[in-house]
Amino acid sequence: MPNMTSREEYLATLGDPACAGCHANIDPLGFSLEHFDAAGMYRDVDDGLPVDSSGSYITPQGINLNFSSIADLAPALASCEVARCWSMRLFDNARQRAGVTPVELGETPDLNRVVNRMSGANFSLRTLIRAIVESPAFLRP
């Protein structure tokens, strides 16, 4: 849309109730990346207007994360609480896709082992994926 930043276009979708439910949850985190265009190139201006990459997000645990850009948000997300949540969701998804019967992981040794490996590797996604597929909980039927 002319004279609108991509952020303004996304905000316009909140007027449609069919879109608002999901966009209200995912857009705030996505706004932290507004300085990057669709090709991943850094920018300070979008359609002639200054980029606004600030936002606020309330986690399911009620923690309010305020940020001016991804540089502020990323360290807040690199926490044990977020690592545990991310690990559990990815672990569950991987198990389901592998045809392993889903179980409640909760505070299991398998999940703790996976989270500890990822945290010990500076929250590396590669380490997380490897830890999941090497876990006994992933391999057992």
Foldseek 3Di string as FASTA:
>chain_A
DAPDFVLRVLVVCCVPVVRVVVSVQPVQVVLLQSLADPVRDGHQDGNRHGRFSWGWHQDPVGDIQTDRHVVRVVVVCQDLVNLLVVLQVVLQVLLVVVVHDDDDCPPHPLSVQLSVQCNVVSNDPVSSVVSSCPGPSSVDD
